[in-house]
Amino acid sequence: MSLYQKHVFVCENLRDDADVRGSCAQKGSIEFRSLLKKEIELRGLKGKIRINKAGCLGTCKQGISMVIYPQGIWYGRLSESDIPEIVEKTLVQNEVISRLLMSFMKNRSF
């Protein structure tokens, strides 16, 4: 049994500015994770849903990147405006938001 119902990892990898791949931190993932944590707290979900920072998830080209367990849902190209929808639809209602799925997840069943 898991301590949490859901565990979310947000990439906060920071690469050198010269790296053409960029990095999630350069795209705003640190602030994104902070706001996501606040949304979880506001909804009374702290203790049920854990929001963690992650090192490189290998998907910075599709960053800001996150993965949600136990479902193994990978979302990319995120912005702060996506946070309420991610929390309500995916974390609370267990729905996948197709437009946020990373390309390698498009044909997967959940």
C-alpha atoms as a PDB file:
ATOM      1  CA  MET A   1       0.000   0.000   0.000  1.00  0.00           C
ATOM      2  CA  SER A   2       1.300   3.437  -0.931  1.00  0.00           C
ATOM      3  CA  LEU A   3       1.434   6.273   1.545  1.00  0.00           C
ATOM      4  CA  TYR A   4      -0.152   8.549  -1.086  1.00  0.00           C
ATOM      5  CA  GLN A   5      -2.984   7.998  -3.560  1.00  0.00           C
ATOM      6  CA  LYS A   6      -0.983   9.819  -6.238  1.00  0.00           C
ATOM      7  CA  HIS A   7       2.643  10.830  -6.513  1.00  0.00           C
ATOM      8  CA  VAL A   8       3.580  13.623  -8.933  1.00  0.00           C
ATOM      9  CA  PHE A   9       7.131  14.349 -10.071  1.00  0.00           C
ATOM     10  CA  VAL A  10       7.856  17.688 -11.773  1.00  0.00           C
ATOM     11  CA  CYS A  11      11.180  17.969 -13.603  1.00  0.00           C
ATOM     12  CA  GLU A  12      13.342  20.775 -12.258  1.00  0.00           C
ATOM     13  CA  ASN A  13      16.434  19.899 -14.268  1.00  0.00           C
ATOM     14  CA  LEU A  14      18.630  22.898 -15.091  1.00  0.00           C
ATOM     15  CA  ARG A  15      21.013  22.696 -18.036  1.00  0.00           C
ATOM     16  CA  ASP A  16      23.605  25.166 -19.229  1.00  0.00           C
ATOM     17  CA  ASP A  17      22.114  27.961 -21.333  1.00  0.00           C
ATOM     18  CA  ALA A  18      24.177  26.766 -24.322  1.00  0.00           C
ATOM     19  CA  ASP A  19      22.404  23.369 -24.394  1.00  0.00           C
ATOM     20  CA  VAL A  20      19.974  23.395 -27.337  1.00  0.00           C
ATOM     21  CA  ARG A  21      17.532  21.069 -25.536  1.00  0.00           C
ATOM     22  CA  GLY A  22      16.859  23.661 -22.900  1.00  0.00           C
ATOM     23  CA  SER A  23      15.607  22.490 -19.550  1.00  0.00           C
ATOM     24  CA  CYS A  24      12.401  22.391 -17.585  1.00  0.00           C
ATOM     25  CA  ALA A  25      13.783  24.790 -14.964  1.00  0.00           C
ATOM     26  CA  GLN A  26      14.519  27.351 -17.689  1.00  0.00           C
ATOM     27  CA  LYS A  27      10.908  26.961 -18.823  1.00  0.00           C
ATOM     28  CA  GLY A  28       9.493  27.721 -15.355  1.00  0.00           C
ATOM     29  CA  SER A  29       9.113  24.326 -13.689  1.00  0.00           C
ATOM     30  CA  ILE A  30      10.270  25.493 -10.257  1.00  0.00           C
ATOM     31  CA  GLU A  31       7.443  28.047 -10.024  1.00  0.00           C
ATOM     32  CA  PHE A  32       5.040  25.557 -11.658  1.00  0.00           C
ATOM     33  CA  ARG A  33       5.726  22.954  -8.937  1.00  0.00           C
ATOM     34  CA  SER A  34       5.342  25.555  -6.202  1.00  0.00           C
ATOM     35  CA  LEU A  35       1.940  26.629  -7.548  1.00  0.00           C
ATOM     36  CA  LEU A  36       0.863  23.000  -7.988  1.00  0.00           C
ATOM     37  CA  LYS A  37       1.702  22.312  -4.341  1.00  0.00           C
ATOM     38  CA  LYS A  38      -0.329  25.352  -3.275  1.00  0.00           C
ATOM     39  CA  GLU A  39      -3.321  24.140  -5.310  1.00  0.00           C
ATOM     40  CA  ILE A  40      -3.109  20.725  -3.645  1.00  0.00           C
ATOM     41  CA  GLU A  41      -3.072  22.374  -0.218  1.00  0.00           C
ATOM     42  CA  LEU A  42      -5.984  24.714  -1.069  1.00  0.00           C
ATOM     43  CA  ARG A  43      -8.107  21.727  -2.102  1.00  0.00           C
ATOM     44  CA  GLY A  44      -7.354  19.814   1.098  1.00  0.00           C
ATOM     45  CA  LEU A  45      -5.440  17.102  -0.768  1.00  0.00           C
ATOM     46  CA  LYS A  46      -2.171  17.382   1.153  1.00  0.00           C
ATOM     47  CA  GLY A  47      -1.362  13.958   2.560  1.00  0.00           C
ATOM     48  CA  LYS A  48      -3.259  12.246  -0.271  1.00  0.00           C
ATOM     49  CA  ILE A  49      -1.333  13.626  -3.243  1.00  0.00           C
ATOM     50  CA  ARG A  50       2.406  14.214  -3.031  1.00  0.00           C
ATOM     51  CA  ILE A  51       4.119  16.770  -5.275  1.00  0.00           C
ATOM     52  CA  ASN A  52       7.883  16.292  -5.642  1.00  0.00           C
ATOM     53  CA  LYS A  53      10.648  17.829  -7.670  1.00  0.00           C
ATOM     54  CA  ALA A  54      12.586  15.514  -9.927  1.00  0.00           C
ATOM     55  CA  GLY A  55      15.911  15.693 -11.644  1.00  0.00           C
ATOM     56  CA  CYS A  56      15.982  15.136 -15.372  1.00  0.00           C
ATOM     57  CA  LEU A  57      13.112  12.979 -16.620  1.00  0.00           C
ATOM     58  CA  GLY A  58      14.704  12.903 -20.087  1.00  0.00           C
ATOM     59  CA  THR A  59      11.895  14.951 -21.621  1.00  0.00           C
ATOM     60  CA  CYS A  60      13.059  18.568 -21.357  1.00  0.00           C
ATOM     61  CA  LYS A  61      12.327  19.109 -25.064  1.00  0.00           C
ATOM     62  CA  GLN A  62       8.695  18.610 -24.052  1.00  0.00           C
ATOM     63  CA  GLY A  63       9.128  20.576 -20.818  1.00  0.00           C
ATOM     64  CA  ILE A  64       7.768  21.666 -18.403  1.00  0.00           C
ATOM     65  CA  SER A  65       7.451  17.904 -17.806  1.00  0.00           C
ATOM     66  CA  MET A  66       5.749  15.851 -15.124  1.00  0.00           C
ATOM     67  CA  VAL A  67       4.835  12.230 -14.445  1.00  0.00           C
ATOM     68  CA  ILE A  68       1.948  11.049 -12.262  1.00  0.00           C
ATOM     69  CA  TYR A  69       1.997   7.701 -10.476  1.00  0.00           C
ATOM     70  CA  PRO A  70       0.593   5.121 -10.035  1.00  0.00           C
ATOM     71  CA  GLN A  71      -0.960   5.564 -13.504  1.00  0.00           C
ATOM     72  CA  GLY A  72       2.308   6.525 -15.199  1.00  0.00           C
ATOM     73  CA  ILE A  73       0.817   9.549 -16.970  1.00  0.00           C
ATOM     74  CA  TRP A  74       3.421  11.805 -18.591  1.00  0.00           C
ATOM     75  CA  TYR A  75       2.392  15.389 -19.315  1.00  0.00           C
ATOM     76  CA  GLY A  76       4.513  17.953 -21.136  1.00  0.00           C
ATOM     77  CA  ARG A  77       4.579  21.500 -22.462  1.00  0.00           C
ATOM     78  CA  LEU A  78       2.806  22.574 -19.300  1.00  0.00           C
ATOM     79  CA  SER A  79       2.016  26.077 -18.166  1.00  0.00           C
ATOM     80  CA  GLU A  80       0.734  27.492 -14.901  1.00  0.00           C
ATOM     81  CA  SER A  81      -2.727  27.848 -16.456  1.00  0.00           C
ATOM     82  CA  ASP A  82      -2.912  24.022 -16.733  1.00  0.00           C
ATOM     83  CA  ILE A  83      -2.668  23.490 -12.972  1.00  0.00           C
ATOM     84  CA  PRO A  84      -6.380  23.702 -12.013  1.00  0.00           C
ATOM     85  CA  GLU A  85      -7.342  21.310 -14.820  1.00  0.00           C
ATOM     86  CA  ILE A  86      -4.573  18.818 -13.929  1.00  0.00           C
ATOM     87  CA  VAL A  87      -5.621  18.807 -10.296  1.00  0.00           C
ATOM     88  CA  GLU A  88      -9.368  18.511 -10.963  1.00  0.00           C
ATOM     89  CA  LYS A  89      -9.418  16.162 -13.929  1.00  0.00           C
ATOM     90  CA  THR A  90      -6.373  13.952 -13.440  1.00  0.00           C
ATOM     91  CA  LEU A  91      -5.563  14.025  -9.752  1.00  0.00           C
ATOM     92  CA  VAL A  92      -9.135  14.113  -8.422  1.00  0.00           C
ATOM     93  CA  GLN A  93     -11.303  12.570 -11.177  1.00  0.00           C
ATOM     94  CA  ASN A  94      -8.671  10.170 -12.614  1.00  0.00           C
ATOM     95  CA  GLU A  95      -9.155  11.479 -16.167  1.00  0.00           C
ATOM     96  CA  VAL A  96      -6.358  11.817 -18.706  1.00  0.00           C
ATOM     97  CA  ILE A  97      -6.021  15.193 -20.435  1.00  0.00           C
ATOM     98  CA  SER A  98      -5.125  14.163 -23.976  1.00  0.00           C
ATOM     99  CA  ARG A  99      -3.786  17.531 -25.105  1.00  0.00           C
ATOM    100  CA  LEU A 100      -1.167  17.475 -22.313  1.00  0.00           C
ATOM    101  CA  LEU A 101       0.099  13.942 -22.954  1.00  0.00           C
ATOM    102  CA  MET A 102       3.635  13.606 -24.210  1.00  0.00           C
ATOM    103  CA  SER A 103       3.871  12.276 -27.732  1.00  0.00           C
ATOM    104  CA  PHE A 104       5.043   8.799 -26.655  1.00  0.00           C
ATOM    105  CA  MET A 105       1.909   8.456 -24.485  1.00  0.00           C
ATOM    106  CA  LYS A 106      -0.700   9.215 -27.188  1.00  0.00           C
ATOM    107  CA  ASN A 107      -1.646   5.580 -27.981  1.00  0.00           C
ATOM    108  CA  ARG A 108      -1.507   4.232 -24.449  1.00  0.00           C
ATOM    109  CA  SER A 109      -4.563   3.026 -22.531  1.00  0.00           C
ATOM    110  CA  PHE A 110      -5.031   3.987 -18.889  1.00  0.00           C
END
